[in-house]
Amino acid sequence: MLKVDNLSVAFGQSMAVNGINFSLEGNQILGIVGESGSGKSVTSLSIMGLLPKNARITNGSIWFEPPGCIPVNLVGINPEQHRQLRGKSIAMIFQEPHTCLNPSMRCGVQLVEALELHAGLKGKPAVKQCLSLLSEMQLPDPETISRSYPHQLSGGQKQRVMIAMALAGKPKLLIADEPTTALDVTVQKGILELLLSLRNRYGMGIIFISHDLSVVEQVADRVLVMRNGMMVEEGKAEDILQKPQHPYTRELIGFRREIYSPGNSSKTRNEGGGVVFSVNSLTVRYEKSNRLSAGKAKNQIRAVSNVSFSIHEGETLGLVGESGSGKSTIGRTLLRLIGNYSGQIAYKGKPLNGFTTQQLKEFRREVQLIFQDPYSSLNPRLTIGQALVEPVVVHGLAGKNEAKSRVLELLDRVKLPADSFYRFPHEFSGGQRQRLVIARALTLQPKVLICDEIISALDIAIQVQILNLLEELKRDFNLTYLFISHDLGVVRHISNRVIVLKEGTIDEEGPAEAIFAQPKSTYTKTLIAAMPQLLA
């Protein structure tokens, strides 16, 4: 169906893809794996004819030959010819559905639009097929989903809507670019099972792009490993993943084992540490109002319900659960970013809602938040030096010269070069930006770091580096962590204790190894069962 021969793609003078070769048959799934910048997505965009204007294919061919059709070289056709193939013959599922779905249009309208464009359906037949596709995606109540706007759906639901749109024209080739990266393990498992069932039902060829080897192992028939724009090795999935020949592939598998093998964690905790946070019967409600229904009663959504726990000095408490379980709400309530709650929260024995202005300023210095997306939490108009010096000066910890020296020292501690001080956020990779926001949090010499999904979108190699950095900083600065994540393997690796959340309540709590070795609740067992299995 697809044959890529000696494909090379350049951005200016820089080669993003350099001489790669692979083929794909119908009813086959090819997994393409590699770190960020390895050329995975550029390869897929070349096939789709969606390369940015500053990129060009410098060499090679992409022959596409669906059953019963005349072969066509996708490199040699014009944009209009490529557009005729997109949707009908070749479709793509992108990593972030919330950026691909139009926020101002209902999901059903967007899907009907795709059906009108690619399947030639109009009116009632298009609406009927829309609901049929949503049902095929195993979405609950397709009519409600159809009437919903993207922001009203969960991440997994949005991804299924995107898959439905991709299937609107019944394509022969489907490209899935990191479709499960930021999803919970149970949702991820559902998406993978859905893709396998669609492959079997329609006989499609699927290119599945991911940096997660254990996810690729679950779906791929063949695997292509890429690094720095070049092929490392390619072959049957079981051969590549069970008996890798190239040192780089073995290194990727080794990183996976380092995080996910039981007992491989390097947890540290200062014995005898006092209670830093004490939470008793915490309940947080959100008001859901309809702006078009002024004066009508507002609905309340209970995000967290009657939750009690404590965090001890020097420990890492892992907070896990699916999207909507209340993880981030708890973190932000502890930070006093959410003030409307019932129950009691005490920091070092003092009620959080009773702080004086001076106590609150000190609290803001001692408890820092590291966000999931470092790029959106850094001001693109400020250099790194400006962004990191500012909080030190604002809190009166040092003058500008001394603050600069402190920042340069911290940049070195998070293993970034000194010239990072003068650069802007867009000049760094995702892993480097995550190190930058960790450094920014440390500028105020905090006692507690709340880490909210800080490595969920990073490559496995970068994940290992960040986790090892966190452990090193914890030992050196006597830090306490609240580590929020949907990745159970990562939580097991770094946490002393774990709290499992389900629908805003605590489902299970205990030492990390005990939770994973002998889970007591059915829900925790389900989460652990849904984890991708460790590569043999």
Foldseek 3Di string as FASTA:
>chain_A
DKWWAQWWKDQVPATLAGTDTDGWDFLAEEEEAEFPSLNPVVVVCLLLVNDDPRMATPDTWMWDDDPPDDIDTSNPDDPVVSVLCELQAEYEQEAALVVVFDQVDQLLVLLLVLLCVQVVDDDPVSSVVSLVQLVLLVDPPSVVSRRHGPVVDDRLSSSSSSVSSSPSNPHQEYEYANHPLAFFLVSLLSVLVSVSVCSVVSRHYYYYYDNDLLSCLVHHQKYWYTGNNYTPDIDGSCCCQQPNDGPVSVVQLVLLCCLQPFPNFDEDFDPPFAWFKWWFQKWDKDWADDPVDPPDDTDIATQAGGATDTFGFRFEEEEAEGPSLNQVVVVCVLLVVDPDIDTFMDGVRHTPVPDDPVRNLVSNLAEEEQDQQLVVVFDQVDQLLCLQLVVCVVSPVDDSVVLSVLLLVLCVLLPHHSCSNGHGPVVDDRLSSSSSSVSSSPSSLHAEYEYANRPSNGRSVSLSSVLVSVNVCCVVSSHYYHYYDSQLSNCLNYGQKYFYTDNNYTPDIDGSVCCLVPNDDPVSVVSNVSHRDRRD
